[in-house]
Protein backbone atom coordinates (compact mmCIF):
# COMPACT_ATOMS: atom_id res chain seq x y z
CA MET A 1 154.42 46.73 144.22
CA SER A 2 153.78 50.38 145.08
CA LYS A 3 152.61 52.82 142.46
CA PRO A 4 155.22 55.32 141.18
CA GLU A 5 155.03 58.79 142.66
CA VAL A 6 153.25 61.39 140.54
CA LEU A 7 155.46 64.46 140.19
CA MET A 8 153.20 66.55 137.95
CA GLN A 9 149.64 66.17 136.77
CA MET A 10 147.53 67.79 134.07
CA TRP A 11 143.88 67.63 135.08
CA ASN A 12 141.92 67.07 131.88
CA PRO A 13 139.23 69.70 132.61
CA HIS A 14 142.04 72.22 133.12
CA ARG A 15 143.62 71.14 129.84
CA GLU A 16 140.30 71.67 128.06
CA PHE A 17 139.89 75.07 129.71
CA LEU A 18 143.35 76.22 128.53
CA ILE A 19 142.62 75.11 124.96
CA GLN A 20 139.16 76.72 124.96
CA GLN A 21 140.60 79.95 126.37
CA HIS A 22 143.23 80.02 123.63
CA ARG A 23 140.74 79.33 120.85
CA PHE A 24 138.49 82.10 122.14
CA TYR A 25 141.39 84.56 122.05
CA VAL A 26 142.38 83.65 118.49
CA ASN A 27 138.84 83.62 117.12
CA GLU A 28 137.90 86.93 118.71
CA ALA A 29 141.19 88.54 117.68
CA ARG A 30 140.59 87.42 114.11
CA THR A 31 137.04 88.84 114.11
CA ARG A 32 137.40 91.99 116.21
CA LEU A 33 140.94 93.05 115.32
CA MET A 34 142.39 91.50 112.18
CA GLY A 35 139.02 91.42 110.43
CA GLN A 36 138.97 95.22 110.29
CA PHE A 37 141.71 95.18 107.64
CA GLU A 38 140.00 92.99 105.06
CA ASN A 39 139.05 95.90 102.75
CA ILE A 40 141.90 98.36 103.06
CA ASN A 41 141.94 99.01 99.30
CA ALA A 42 138.36 100.24 99.50
CA ASP A 43 139.16 102.17 102.69
CA ALA A 44 142.03 103.94 100.92
CA ASP A 45 139.78 104.83 97.97
CA GLU A 46 137.18 106.17 100.38
CA ALA A 47 139.81 108.32 102.09
CA ALA A 48 140.79 109.78 98.70
CA GLU A 49 137.15 110.49 97.84
CA GLU A 50 136.65 112.28 101.15
CA TRP A 51 139.79 114.33 100.52
CA LEU A 52 138.54 115.25 97.04
CA GLU A 53 135.20 116.27 98.48
CA ARG A 54 136.84 118.58 101.01
CA ARG A 55 139.25 119.94 98.38
CA GLY A 56 136.45 120.51 95.91
CA LYS A 57 134.88 123.13 98.18
CA PHE A 58 137.87 125.37 97.52
CA PHE A 59 138.30 124.59 93.81
CA ASP A 60 139.09 127.66 91.68
CA PRO A 61 138.86 126.89 87.93
CA ASP A 62 140.98 129.94 87.11
CA ARG A 63 143.83 128.90 89.37
CA ASP A 64 143.63 125.17 90.09
CA ASP A 65 144.65 122.31 87.79
CA GLU A 66 142.13 119.49 87.99
CA GLY A 67 144.66 116.86 86.95
CA SER A 68 147.05 117.86 89.72
CA ILE A 69 144.27 117.66 92.28
CA TYR A 70 143.45 114.09 91.22
CA GLU A 71 147.15 113.21 91.44
CA GLU A 72 147.17 114.55 94.99
CA ALA A 73 144.11 112.45 95.78
CA GLU A 74 145.91 109.37 94.46
CA GLY A 75 148.79 110.20 96.78
CA VAL A 76 146.34 110.45 99.68
CA ALA A 77 145.01 106.97 98.83
CA ILE A 78 148.51 105.49 98.61
CA GLU A 79 149.60 106.97 101.94
CA PHE A 80 146.35 105.94 103.64
CA TYR A 81 146.82 102.38 102.36
CA ARG A 82 150.46 102.35 103.51
CA GLN A 83 149.54 103.39 107.03
CA LEU A 84 146.66 100.88 107.23
CA ASP A 85 148.94 98.13 105.95
CA GLU A 86 151.50 98.99 108.63
CA MET A 87 148.76 99.03 111.27
CA ARG A 88 147.55 95.63 110.03
CA GLU A 89 151.07 94.23 110.45
CA GLN A 90 151.41 95.67 113.94
CA THR A 91 148.00 94.25 114.87
CA ARG A 92 148.95 90.79 113.65
CA LEU A 93 152.19 90.87 115.61
CA SER A 94 150.37 92.13 118.71
CA VAL A 95 147.93 89.23 118.43
CA VAL A 96 150.83 86.78 118.15
CA ALA A 97 152.58 88.36 121.14
CA GLY A 98 149.43 88.21 123.26
CA MET A 99 148.82 84.61 122.26
CA PHE A 100 152.37 83.52 123.06
CA HIS A 101 152.60 85.39 126.38
CA ALA A 102 149.27 83.94 127.54
CA TRP A 103 150.48 80.42 126.71
CA GLU A 104 153.82 81.01 128.43
CA LYS A 105 152.24 82.42 131.60
CA ASN A 106 149.75 79.57 131.76
CA LEU A 107 152.62 77.11 131.35
CA ARG A 108 154.69 78.69 134.13
CA LYS A 109 151.68 78.76 136.44
CA TRP A 110 150.91 75.10 135.79
CA ILE A 111 154.55 74.10 136.41
CA THR A 112 154.85 76.11 139.62
CA ASP A 113 151.47 74.94 140.91
CA GLU A 114 152.62 71.35 140.43
CA LEU A 115 156.06 72.02 141.92
CA ARG A 116 154.47 73.32 145.12
CA ARG A 117 153.37 69.74 145.70
CA TRP A 118 157.09 68.98 146.09
CA ARG A 119 157.15 71.53 148.92
CA LEU A 120 159.76 73.59 147.15
CA GLY A 121 160.65 77.05 148.39
CA PRO A 122 160.17 80.53 146.92
CA ARG A 123 163.58 80.64 145.21
CA THR A 124 162.73 77.62 143.08
CA ILE A 125 159.28 78.97 142.20
CA ALA A 126 160.82 82.34 141.28
CA ALA A 127 163.47 80.60 139.17
CA VAL A 128 160.78 78.89 137.09
CA TRP A 129 158.97 82.19 136.55
CA GLY A 130 162.27 83.77 135.52
CA ALA A 131 163.58 80.93 133.35
CA ASP A 132 163.76 81.49 129.63
CA PHE A 133 162.06 79.30 127.03
CA PRO A 134 164.94 76.81 126.52
CA LYS A 135 165.32 76.31 130.29
CA LEU A 136 161.62 75.60 130.73
CA MET A 137 161.69 73.01 127.96
CA GLU A 138 164.86 71.52 129.45
CA LEU A 139 163.08 71.09 132.79
CA LEU A 140 160.04 69.41 131.22
CA ALA A 141 162.25 67.09 129.17
CA SER A 142 164.29 66.13 132.24
CA LEU A 143 161.10 64.91 133.92
CA GLY A 144 160.58 62.35 131.16
CA TRP A 145 158.33 64.23 128.73
CA SER A 146 159.74 63.62 125.24
CA ILE A 147 159.16 67.14 123.99
CA GLN A 148 162.45 68.35 122.54
CA ASP A 149 162.09 66.93 119.01
CA THR A 150 158.39 67.61 118.48
CA ASP A 151 157.21 69.65 115.52
CA TYR A 152 154.98 71.86 117.67
CA LEU A 153 157.89 72.84 119.91
CA ALA A 154 159.89 73.90 116.84
CA VAL A 155 156.98 76.14 115.78
CA LEU A 156 156.64 77.57 119.30
CA ASN A 157 160.35 78.36 119.26
CA GLN A 158 159.87 80.31 116.04
CA CYS A 159 156.93 82.13 117.62
CA ARG A 160 159.09 82.99 120.65
CA CYS A 161 161.75 84.48 118.39
CA VAL A 162 159.21 86.53 116.38
CA VAL A 163 157.66 87.90 119.59
CA ASN A 164 161.06 88.84 121.02
CA VAL A 165 161.99 90.76 117.86
CA PHE A 166 158.60 92.51 117.91
CA LYS A 167 159.10 93.42 121.56
CA HIS A 168 162.79 94.36 121.61
CA GLY A 169 163.72 95.29 118.04
CA ASP A 170 167.33 94.79 117.01
CA GLY A 171 169.42 92.48 119.17
CA LYS A 172 170.12 88.80 119.82
CA SER A 173 166.62 87.67 118.84
CA LEU A 174 166.85 89.45 115.48
CA ASP A 175 170.23 87.78 114.87
CA GLU A 176 168.63 84.42 115.67
CA LEU A 177 165.69 85.16 113.37
CA LYS A 178 168.03 86.07 110.51
CA ARG A 179 170.10 82.95 111.09
CA SER A 180 167.36 80.39 111.70
CA PHE A 181 163.97 81.79 110.61
CA PRO A 182 164.52 84.40 107.86
CA LYS A 183 161.08 83.71 106.38
CA TYR A 184 159.63 86.13 108.94
CA LEU A 185 161.64 89.03 107.51
CA ILE A 186 160.16 90.56 104.35
CA ASP A 187 162.52 91.93 101.73
CA PRO A 188 161.41 95.51 100.90
CA VAL A 189 162.76 95.16 97.35
CA ASN A 190 160.09 93.88 94.99
CA PRO A 191 161.63 91.20 92.72
CA ARG A 192 159.12 92.05 89.98
CA PHE A 193 161.17 95.15 89.22
CA GLY A 194 164.25 93.08 88.40
CA LEU A 195 166.25 94.39 91.36
CA ASP A 196 168.61 92.29 93.44
CA ALA A 197 167.20 91.09 96.73
CA THR A 198 168.31 92.87 99.88
CA GLU A 199 171.02 91.00 101.76
CA ILE A 200 169.71 89.48 104.99
CA ALA A 201 172.32 91.43 106.99
CA TRP A 202 170.60 94.71 106.04
CA LEU A 203 167.13 93.66 107.17
CA ASN A 204 166.00 94.78 110.64
CA TYR A 205 163.04 94.56 113.01
CA SER A 206 160.97 96.87 110.81
CA HIS A 207 160.86 94.11 108.17
CA LEU A 208 159.24 91.63 110.58
CA HIS A 209 156.13 90.11 109.03
CA VAL A 210 153.68 87.31 109.81
CA THR A 211 150.90 86.00 107.59
CA GLU A 212 147.44 84.77 108.56
CA ALA A 213 148.63 81.23 107.79
CA GLN A 214 151.62 81.60 110.13
CA ILE A 215 149.41 82.92 112.92
CA GLN A 216 147.21 79.84 112.46
CA GLU A 217 150.32 77.63 112.59
CA PHE A 218 151.38 79.25 115.89
CA SER A 219 147.88 78.76 117.27
CA GLU A 220 147.77 75.09 116.30
CA ALA A 221 151.17 74.53 117.92
CA ILE A 222 149.87 75.92 121.22
CA ILE A 223 146.82 73.66 121.06
CA GLU A 224 148.97 70.63 120.22
CA PHE A 225 151.28 71.48 123.12
CA TRP A 226 148.42 71.44 125.64
CA GLU A 227 146.98 68.28 124.11
CA SER A 228 150.37 66.59 124.46
CA VAL A 229 151.02 67.38 128.13
CA PRO A 230 151.09 63.98 129.86
CA GLU A 231 148.19 63.44 132.24
CA ASN A 232 150.71 62.20 134.80
CA ILE A 233 154.48 62.67 134.98
CA TYR A 234 155.96 60.04 137.29
CA ASN A 235 159.10 59.97 139.38
CA GLN A 236 161.83 57.90 137.77
CA GLU A 237 165.23 56.78 138.96
CA GLU A 238 166.99 58.14 135.88
CA ILE A 239 165.67 61.70 136.26
CA GLU A 240 168.48 64.24 136.02
CA LEU A 241 167.15 67.73 136.68
CA PRO A 242 168.80 70.78 135.07
CA SER A 243 171.66 72.33 137.04
CA TRP A 244 169.92 75.73 137.31
CA PHE A 245 166.89 74.03 138.88
CA VAL A 246 168.95 71.89 141.27
CA LYS A 247 170.89 74.98 142.37
CA THR A 248 167.76 76.88 143.41
CA VAL A 249 166.32 73.82 145.16
CA ASP A 250 169.54 73.54 147.19
CA GLN A 251 169.33 77.24 148.04
CA ASP A 252 165.79 76.80 149.34
CA ARG A 253 166.79 73.78 151.43
CA LYS A 254 169.73 75.65 152.96
CA ALA A 255 167.46 78.58 153.78
CA ASP A 256 165.00 76.22 155.49
CA ARG A 257 167.76 74.81 157.74
CA ARG A 258 168.70 78.25 159.07
């Protein structure tokens, strides 16, 4: 009995390289980028002290009110903290976006490298590079990889949605985030003040927020994805490829016959 044909293969050293590369990115981003925001309270106080020092050079006891000057310094600290906090949020989201895009590009490259063994044409390769997240997962599932109901894929789908909102702002991805993953939108109204929470419909891309724990969850999902890629995906009689993929394959074959 002949061995089944291998359609796609994940070479274990390549798998290990992809995981190591990802871990390096996350660890270095945490140290070199996100780690700079660990003491923003102290940074804000230091900014206020520096402002007071500069202001003190022009202090006139006959004209200036010392209390008012200290109130202004407090305002400087608050604004400095606000801007650092916003920068911290943007940095976290940038790290998530970089992490997700690197994973997605590595995935597309692996798929297309393996598909070239099928001797498929440029239209099919371009279609894979242009396919959205659901289409890519549909293709992998059609080849016999039971991926659709995994926990890590659900987390990666959330990550995809967060990155799209960060990248594009208001739009379809924000609507999806509100509908399916509202935990990534932070209500600007503080419940400690006894005010009603803001309705989800009024929240927008500026309320997008990820925590350190959520970044770690995204990272672990990427690692689990690579660990779960089958070493070999075999040809099977019951394979039913997605219609978008079959269409581009047919286009390549017709082009070859010309």
